[in-house]
């Protein structure tokens, strides 16, 4: 499943440069994750780097965008060939 950044985000800028898919951008108020680009770092790392670097633990699974590992891997292949 894709990830999302909660409204409690403090815009610390830790997650954006860590995303290997370019899925994280600064929205109008907080950072946002593009579900079409988020692979939960499958194909890059063992676990999502945005989750690892967030100092306030505000990156959570997006229950509105449930995807299994196979779908996430296919998305990685589409993004990176």
PDB file of N, CA and C in Angstrom:
ATOM      1  N   UNK A   1       0.845  -1.165   0.000  1.00  0.00           N
ATOM      2  CA  UNK A   1       0.000   0.000   0.000  1.00  0.00           C
ATOM      3  C   UNK A   1       0.891   1.229   0.000  1.00  0.00           C
ATOM      4  N   UNK A   2       0.438   2.258  -0.636  1.00  0.00           N
ATOM      5  CA  UNK A   2       1.198   3.497  -0.653  1.00  0.00           C
ATOM      6  C   UNK A   2       1.211   4.098   0.751  1.00  0.00           C
ATOM      7  N   UNK A   3       2.040   5.089   0.922  1.00  0.00           N
ATOM      8  CA  UNK A   3       2.137   5.764   2.211  1.00  0.00           C
ATOM      9  C   UNK A   3       1.548   7.159   2.097  1.00  0.00           C
ATOM     10  N   UNK A   4       1.223   7.738   3.243  1.00  0.00           N
ATOM     11  CA  UNK A   4       0.747   9.118   3.261  1.00  0.00           C
ATOM     12  C   UNK A   4       1.380   9.837   4.440  1.00  0.00           C
ATOM     13  N   UNK A   5       1.428  11.139   4.318  1.00  0.00           N
ATOM     14  CA  UNK A   5       1.978  11.976   5.381  1.00  0.00           C
ATOM     15  C   UNK A   5       0.806  12.632   6.094  1.00  0.00           C
ATOM     16  N   UNK A   6       0.770  12.466   7.394  1.00  0.00           N
ATOM     17  CA  UNK A   6      -0.332  12.997   8.184  1.00  0.00           C
ATOM     18  C   UNK A   6      -0.236  14.512   8.354  1.00  0.00           C
ATOM     19  N   UNK A   7      -1.351  15.117   8.734  1.00  0.00           N
ATOM     20  CA  UNK A   7      -1.408  16.566   8.936  1.00  0.00           C
ATOM     21  C   UNK A   7      -0.479  17.045  10.036  1.00  0.00           C
ATOM     22  N   UNK A   8       0.005  16.143  10.864  1.00  0.00           N
ATOM     23  CA  UNK A   8       0.915  16.524  11.945  1.00  0.00           C
ATOM     24  C   UNK A   8       2.337  16.804  11.440  1.00  0.00           C
ATOM     25  N   UNK A   9       2.574  16.658  10.138  1.00  0.00           N
ATOM     26  CA  UNK A   9       3.886  16.926   9.528  1.00  0.00           C
ATOM     27  C   UNK A   9       4.369  18.329   9.911  1.00  0.00           C
ATOM     28  N   UNK A  10       5.659  18.439  10.261  1.00  0.00           N
ATOM     29  CA  UNK A  10       6.241  19.729  10.654  1.00  0.00           C
ATOM     30  C   UNK A  10       7.118  20.320   9.546  1.00  0.00           C
ATOM     31  N   UNK A  11       7.056  19.735   8.347  1.00  0.00           N
ATOM     32  CA  UNK A  11       7.829  20.229   7.195  1.00  0.00           C
ATOM     33  C   UNK A  11       9.328  20.314   7.488  1.00  0.00           C
ATOM     34  N   UNK A  12       9.857  19.285   8.085  1.00  0.00           N
ATOM     35  CA  UNK A  12      11.272  19.281   8.457  1.00  0.00           C
ATOM     36  C   UNK A  12      12.192  19.031   7.265  1.00  0.00           C
ATOM     37  N   UNK A  13      11.628  18.551   6.145  1.00  0.00           N
ATOM     38  CA  UNK A  13      12.380  18.307   4.908  1.00  0.00           C
ATOM     39  C   UNK A  13      13.308  17.099   5.007  1.00  0.00           C
ATOM     40  N   UNK A  14      13.036  16.188   5.893  1.00  0.00           N
ATOM     41  CA  UNK A  14      13.856  14.979   5.993  1.00  0.00           C
ATOM     42  C   UNK A  14      13.453  13.942   4.951  1.00  0.00           C
ATOM     43  N   UNK A  15      12.165  13.837   4.656  1.00  0.00           N
ATOM     44  CA  UNK A  15      11.673  12.764   3.789  1.00  0.00           C
ATOM     45  C   UNK A  15      11.896  13.020   2.302  1.00  0.00           C
ATOM     46  N   UNK A  16      11.687  14.232   1.858  1.00  0.00           N
ATOM     47  CA  UNK A  16      11.744  14.552   0.431  1.00  0.00           C
ATOM     48  C   UNK A  16      13.039  14.101  -0.242  1.00  0.00           C
ATOM     49  N   UNK A  17      14.200  14.472   0.268  1.00  0.00           N
ATOM     50  CA  UNK A  17      15.428  14.054  -0.419  1.00  0.00           C
ATOM     51  C   UNK A  17      15.729  12.560  -0.312  1.00  0.00           C
ATOM     52  N   UNK A  18      15.080  11.874   0.601  1.00  0.00           N
ATOM     53  CA  UNK A  18      15.328  10.438   0.797  1.00  0.00           C
ATOM     54  C   UNK A  18      14.517   9.554  -0.141  1.00  0.00           C
ATOM     55  N   UNK A  19      13.479  10.089  -0.766  1.00  0.00           N
ATOM     56  CA  UNK A  19      12.589   9.269  -1.600  1.00  0.00           C
ATOM     57  C   UNK A  19      13.252   8.945  -2.940  1.00  0.00           C
ATOM     58  N   UNK A  20      13.530   7.665  -3.202  1.00  0.00           N
ATOM     59  CA  UNK A  20      14.203   7.292  -4.443  1.00  0.00           C
ATOM     60  C   UNK A  20      13.302   7.380  -5.678  1.00  0.00           C
ATOM     61  N   UNK A  21      12.006   7.531  -5.461  1.00  0.00           N
ATOM     62  CA  UNK A  21      11.061   7.598  -6.572  1.00  0.00           C
ATOM     63  C   UNK A  21      10.587   9.018  -6.879  1.00  0.00           C
ATOM     64  N   UNK A  22      11.015   9.985  -6.102  1.00  0.00           N
ATOM     65  CA  UNK A  22      10.545  11.353  -6.306  1.00  0.00           C
ATOM     66  C   UNK A  22       9.065  11.503  -6.014  1.00  0.00           C
ATOM     67  N   UNK A  23       8.559  10.681  -5.105  1.00  0.00           N
ATOM     68  CA  UNK A  23       7.126  10.684  -4.796  1.00  0.00           C
ATOM     69  C   UNK A  23       6.729  11.755  -3.782  1.00  0.00           C
ATOM     70  N   UNK A  24       7.686  12.334  -3.096  1.00  0.00           N
ATOM     71  CA  UNK A  24       7.375  13.288  -2.038  1.00  0.00           C
ATOM     72  C   UNK A  24       7.667  14.708  -2.506  1.00  0.00           C
ATOM     73  N   UNK A  25       6.664  15.574  -2.356  1.00  0.00           N
ATOM     74  CA  UNK A  25       6.816  16.985  -2.706  1.00  0.00           C
ATOM     75  C   UNK A  25       6.127  17.838  -1.646  1.00  0.00           C
ATOM     76  N   UNK A  26       6.519  19.089  -1.591  1.00  0.00           N
ATOM     77  CA  UNK A  26       5.894  20.010  -0.654  1.00  0.00           C
ATOM     78  C   UNK A  26       4.570  20.470  -1.236  1.00  0.00           C
ATOM     79  N   UNK A  27       3.500  20.183  -0.523  1.00  0.00           N
ATOM     80  CA  UNK A  27       2.172  20.618  -0.927  1.00  0.00           C
ATOM     81  C   UNK A  27       1.918  22.033  -0.451  1.00  0.00           C
ATOM     82  N   UNK A  28       0.660  22.441  -0.418  1.00  0.00           N
ATOM     83  CA  UNK A  28       0.323  23.791   0.015  1.00  0.00           C
ATOM     84  C   UNK A  28       0.668  24.031   1.477  1.00  0.00           C
ATOM     85  N   UNK A  29       0.497  22.988   2.312  1.00  0.00           N
ATOM     86  CA  UNK A  29       0.756  23.166   3.743  1.00  0.00           C
ATOM     87  C   UNK A  29       1.804  22.207   4.290  1.00  0.00           C
ATOM     88  N   UNK A  30       1.790  20.964   3.814  1.00  0.00           N
ATOM     89  CA  UNK A  30       2.716  19.947   4.305  1.00  0.00           C
ATOM     90  C   UNK A  30       3.242  19.136   3.124  1.00  0.00           C
ATOM     91  N   UNK A  31       4.207  18.279   3.403  1.00  0.00           N
ATOM     92  CA  UNK A  31       4.700  17.378   2.368  1.00  0.00           C
ATOM     93  C   UNK A  31       3.615  16.361   2.015  1.00  0.00           C
ATOM     94  N   UNK A  32       3.618  15.942   0.759  1.00  0.00           N
ATOM     95  CA  UNK A  32       2.621  14.991   0.272  1.00  0.00           C
ATOM     96  C   UNK A  32       3.325  13.880  -0.498  1.00  0.00           C
ATOM     97  N   UNK A  33       2.684  12.714  -0.542  1.00  0.00           N
ATOM     98  CA  UNK A  33       3.222  11.567  -1.270  1.00  0.00           C
ATOM     99  C   UNK A  33       2.309  11.267  -2.450  1.00  0.00           C
ATOM    100  N   UNK A  34       2.895  11.201  -3.637  1.00  0.00           N
ATOM    101  CA  UNK A  34       2.166  10.849  -4.858  1.00  0.00           C
ATOM    102  C   UNK A  34       2.016   9.334  -4.891  1.00  0.00           C
ATOM    103  N   UNK A  35       0.774   8.861  -4.760  1.00  0.00           N
ATOM    104  CA  UNK A  35       0.542   7.410  -4.686  1.00  0.00           C
ATOM    105  C   UNK A  35       0.952   6.697  -5.973  1.00  0.00           C
ATOM    106  N   UNK A  36       0.982   7.403  -7.085  1.00  0.00           N
ATOM    107  CA  UNK A  36       1.390   6.786  -8.350  1.00  0.00           C
ATOM    108  C   UNK A  36       2.891   6.539  -8.416  1.00  0.00           C
ATOM    109  N   UNK A  37       3.647   7.172  -7.522  1.00  0.00           N
ATOM    110  CA  UNK A  37       5.101   7.002  -7.498  1.00  0.00           C
ATOM    111  C   UNK A  37       5.604   6.257  -6.268  1.00  0.00           C
ATOM    112  N   UNK A  38       4.779   6.140  -5.250  1.00  0.00           N
ATOM    113  CA  UNK A  38       5.219   5.494  -4.004  1.00  0.00           C
ATOM    114  C   UNK A  38       5.215   3.981  -4.144  1.00  0.00           C
ATOM    115  N   UNK A  39       6.372   3.370  -3.932  1.00  0.00           N
ATOM    116  CA  UNK A  39       6.504   1.907  -3.941  1.00  0.00           C
ATOM    117  C   UNK A  39       6.883   1.380  -2.562  1.00  0.00           C
ATOM    118  N   UNK A  40       6.795   2.227  -1.541  1.00  0.00           N
ATOM    119  CA  UNK A  40       7.273   1.883  -0.197  1.00  0.00           C
ATOM    120  C   UNK A  40       8.730   1.449  -0.255  1.00  0.00           C
ATOM    121  N   UNK A  41       9.466   1.987  -1.203  1.00  0.00           N
ATOM    122  CA  UNK A  41      10.890   1.731  -1.436  1.00  0.00           C
ATOM    123  C   UNK A  41      11.194   0.317  -1.917  1.00  0.00           C
ATOM    124  N   UNK A  42      10.164  -0.449  -2.280  1.00  0.00           N
ATOM    125  CA  UNK A  42      10.406  -1.764  -2.876  1.00  0.00           C
ATOM    126  C   UNK A  42      11.206  -1.556  -4.155  1.00  0.00           C
ATOM    127  N   UNK A  43      12.251  -2.354  -4.309  1.00  0.00           N
ATOM    128  CA  UNK A  43      13.151  -2.208  -5.437  1.00  0.00           C
ATOM    129  C   UNK A  43      14.369  -1.362  -5.105  1.00  0.00           C
ATOM    130  N   UNK A  44      14.313  -0.668  -3.969  1.00  0.00           N
ATOM    131  CA  UNK A  44      15.426   0.174  -3.538  1.00  0.00           C
ATOM    132  C   UNK A  44      15.975  -0.254  -2.177  1.00  0.00           C
ATOM    133  N   UNK A  45      15.094  -0.318  -1.182  1.00  0.00           N
ATOM    134  CA  UNK A  45      15.511  -0.567   0.201  1.00  0.00           C
ATOM    135  C   UNK A  45      14.609  -1.611   0.854  1.00  0.00           C
ATOM    136  N   UNK A  46      15.019  -2.092   2.013  1.00  0.00           N
ATOM    137  CA  UNK A  46      14.238  -3.083   2.750  1.00  0.00           C
ATOM    138  C   UNK A  46      12.984  -2.495   3.384  1.00  0.00           C
ATOM    139  N   UNK A  47      13.020  -1.201   3.710  1.00  0.00           N
ATOM    140  CA  UNK A  47      11.857  -0.541   4.295  1.00  0.00           C
ATOM    141  C   UNK A  47      11.819   0.901   3.802  1.00  0.00           C
ATOM    142  N   UNK A  48      10.658   1.544   3.872  1.00  0.00           N
ATOM    143  CA  UNK A  48      10.521   2.914   3.372  1.00  0.00           C
ATOM    144  C   UNK A  48      11.440   3.899   4.101  1.00  0.00           C
ATOM    145  N   UNK A  49      12.236   4.612   3.347  1.00  0.00           N
ATOM    146  CA  UNK A  49      13.175   5.544   3.974  1.00  0.00           C
ATOM    147  C   UNK A  49      12.456   6.739   4.588  1.00  0.00           C
ATOM    148  N   UNK A  50      11.343   7.150   4.022  1.00  0.00           N
ATOM    149  CA  UNK A  50      10.630   8.299   4.596  1.00  0.00           C
ATOM    150  C   UNK A  50      10.151   7.982   6.008  1.00  0.00           C
ATOM    151  N   UNK A  51       9.737   6.751   6.221  1.00  0.00           N
ATOM    152  CA  UNK A  51       9.320   6.323   7.556  1.00  0.00           C
ATOM    153  C   UNK A  51      10.522   6.329   8.496  1.00  0.00           C
ATOM    154  N   UNK A  52      11.651   5.862   8.006  1.00  0.00           N
ATOM    155  CA  UNK A  52      12.856   5.766   8.832  1.00  0.00           C
ATOM    156  C   UNK A  52      13.386   7.118   9.275  1.00  0.00           C
ATOM    157  N   UNK A  53      13.282   8.129   8.414  1.00  0.00           N
ATOM    158  CA  UNK A  53      13.881   9.424   8.735  1.00  0.00           C
ATOM    159  C   UNK A  53      12.912  10.418   9.378  1.00  0.00           C
ATOM    160  N   UNK A  54      11.632  10.125   9.405  1.00  0.00           N
ATOM    161  CA  UNK A  54      10.655  11.072   9.961  1.00  0.00           C
ATOM    162  C   UNK A  54      10.832  11.180  11.481  1.00  0.00           C
ATOM    163  N   UNK A  55      11.149  12.384  11.974  1.00  0.00           N
ATOM    164  CA  UNK A  55      11.395  12.532  13.406  1.00  0.00           C
ATOM    165  C   UNK A  55      10.133  12.505  14.264  1.00  0.00           C
ATOM    166  N   UNK A  56       8.964  12.657  13.655  1.00  0.00           N
ATOM    167  CA  UNK A  56       7.741  12.675  14.459  1.00  0.00           C
ATOM    168  C   UNK A  56       6.779  11.542  14.106  1.00  0.00           C
ATOM    169  N   UNK A  57       7.224  10.600  13.298  1.00  0.00           N
ATOM    170  CA  UNK A  57       6.435   9.413  12.980  1.00  0.00           C
ATOM    171  C   UNK A  57       5.078   9.760  12.355  1.00  0.00           C
ATOM    172  N   UNK A  58       5.103  10.621  11.325  1.00  0.00           N
ATOM    173  CA  UNK A  58       3.838  11.021  10.694  1.00  0.00           C
ATOM    174  C   UNK A  58       3.643  10.427   9.303  1.00  0.00           C
ATOM    175  N   UNK A  59       4.476   9.472   8.907  1.00  0.00           N
ATOM    176  CA  UNK A  59       4.305   8.780   7.626  1.00  0.00           C
ATOM    177  C   UNK A  59       3.685   7.425   7.928  1.00  0.00           C
ATOM    178  N   UNK A  60       2.483   7.227   7.405  1.00  0.00           N
ATOM    179  CA  UNK A  60       1.699   6.030   7.723  1.00  0.00           C
ATOM    180  C   UNK A  60       1.170   5.371   6.462  1.00  0.00           C
ATOM    181  N   UNK A  61       0.724   4.113   6.549  1.00  0.00           N
ATOM    182  CA  UNK A  61       0.098   3.466   5.390  1.00  0.00           C
ATOM    183  C   UNK A  61      -1.156   4.228   4.967  1.00  0.00           C
ATOM    184  N   UNK A  62      -1.346   4.328   3.667  1.00  0.00           N
ATOM    185  CA  UNK A  62      -2.524   4.996   3.105  1.00  0.00           C
ATOM    186  C   UNK A  62      -3.585   3.934   2.868  1.00  0.00           C
ATOM    187  N   UNK A  63      -4.525   3.827   3.777  1.00  0.00           N
ATOM    188  CA  UNK A  63      -5.548   2.786   3.684  1.00  0.00           C
ATOM    189  C   UNK A  63      -6.505   3.004   2.513  1.00  0.00           C
ATOM    190  N   UNK A  64      -6.460   4.153   1.887  1.00  0.00           N
ATOM    191  CA  UNK A  64      -7.274   4.400   0.693  1.00  0.00           C
ATOM    192  C   UNK A  64      -6.591   3.887  -0.569  1.00  0.00           C
ATOM    193  N   UNK A  65      -5.329   3.500  -0.464  1.00  0.00           N
ATOM    194  CA  UNK A  65      -4.551   3.016  -1.602  1.00  0.00           C
ATOM    195  C   UNK A  65      -3.809   1.739  -1.235  1.00  0.00           C
ATOM    196  N   UNK A  66      -4.551   0.670  -1.053  1.00  0.00           N
ATOM    197  CA  UNK A  66      -3.982  -0.602  -0.642  1.00  0.00           C
ATOM    198  C   UNK A  66      -3.388  -1.314  -1.864  1.00  0.00           C
ATOM    199  N   UNK A  67      -2.108  -1.663  -1.757  1.00  0.00           N
ATOM    200  CA  UNK A  67      -1.395  -2.358  -2.829  1.00  0.00           C
ATOM    201  C   UNK A  67      -0.534  -3.452  -2.208  1.00  0.00           C
ATOM    202  N   UNK A  68      -0.464  -4.585  -2.867  1.00  0.00           N
ATOM    203  CA  UNK A  68       0.391  -5.654  -2.357  1.00  0.00           C
ATOM    204  C   UNK A  68       1.803  -5.492  -2.930  1.00  0.00           C
ATOM    205  N   UNK A  69       2.711  -6.358  -2.489  1.00  0.00           N
ATOM    206  CA  UNK A  69       4.108  -6.262  -2.897  1.00  0.00           C
ATOM    207  C   UNK A  69       4.276  -6.417  -4.414  1.00  0.00           C
ATOM    208  N   UNK A  70       3.469  -7.273  -5.026  1.00  0.00           N
ATOM    209  CA  UNK A  70       3.535  -7.482  -6.475  1.00  0.00           C
ATOM    210  C   UNK A  70       3.189  -6.199  -7.239  1.00  0.00           C
ATOM    211  N   UNK A  71       2.166  -5.513  -6.797  1.00  0.00           N
ATOM    212  CA  UNK A  71       1.755  -4.257  -7.439  1.00  0.00           C
ATOM    213  C   UNK A  71       2.822  -3.185  -7.232  1.00  0.00           C
ATOM    214  N   UNK A  72       3.383  -3.113  -6.039  1.00  0.00           N
ATOM    215  CA  UNK A  72       4.426  -2.130  -5.758  1.00  0.00           C
ATOM    216  C   UNK A  72       5.672  -2.395  -6.596  1.00  0.00           C
ATOM    217  N   UNK A  73       6.033  -3.657  -6.772  1.00  0.00           N
ATOM    218  CA  UNK A  73       7.187  -4.003  -7.599  1.00  0.00           C
ATOM    219  C   UNK A  73       6.932  -3.649  -9.074  1.00  0.00           C
ATOM    220  N   UNK A  74       5.720  -3.882  -9.547  1.00  0.00           N
ATOM    221  CA  UNK A  74       5.368  -3.515 -10.916  1.00  0.00           C
ATOM    222  C   UNK A  74       5.452  -1.994 -11.097  1.00  0.00           C
ATOM    223  N   UNK A  75       5.050  -1.264 -10.091  1.00  0.00           N
ATOM    224  CA  UNK A  75       5.140   0.195 -10.141  1.00  0.00           C
ATOM    225  C   UNK A  75       6.611   0.633 -10.198  1.00  0.00           C
ATOM    226  N   UNK A  76       7.457  -0.021  -9.393  1.00  0.00           N
ATOM    227  CA  UNK A  76       8.900   0.258  -9.416  1.00  0.00           C
ATOM    228  C   UNK A  76       9.464   0.037 -10.816  1.00  0.00           C
ATOM    229  N   UNK A  77       9.105  -1.085 -11.452  1.00  0.00           N
ATOM    230  CA  UNK A  77       9.593  -1.401 -12.789  1.00  0.00           C
ATOM    231  C   UNK A  77       9.105  -0.355 -13.789  1.00  0.00           C
ATOM    232  N   UNK A  78       7.855   0.068 -13.668  1.00  0.00           N
ATOM    233  CA  UNK A  78       7.318   1.102 -14.562  1.00  0.00           C
ATOM    234  C   UNK A  78       8.076   2.425 -14.396  1.00  0.00           C
ATOM    235  N   UNK A  79       8.402   2.756 -13.169  1.00  0.00           N
ATOM    236  CA  UNK A  79       9.088   4.026 -12.902  1.00  0.00           C
ATOM    237  C   UNK A  79      10.552   4.014 -13.296  1.00  0.00           C
ATOM    238  N   UNK A  80      11.206   2.867 -13.140  1.00  0.00           N
ATOM    239  CA  UNK A  80      12.656   2.811 -13.322  1.00  0.00           C
ATOM    240  C   UNK A  80      13.135   1.877 -14.440  1.00  0.00           C
ATOM    241  N   UNK A  81      12.194   1.187 -15.061  1.00  0.00           N
ATOM    242  CA  UNK A  81      12.516   0.310 -16.185  1.00  0.00           C
ATOM    243  C   UNK A  81      13.455  -0.739 -15.809  1.00  0.00           C
TER     244      UNK A  81
END
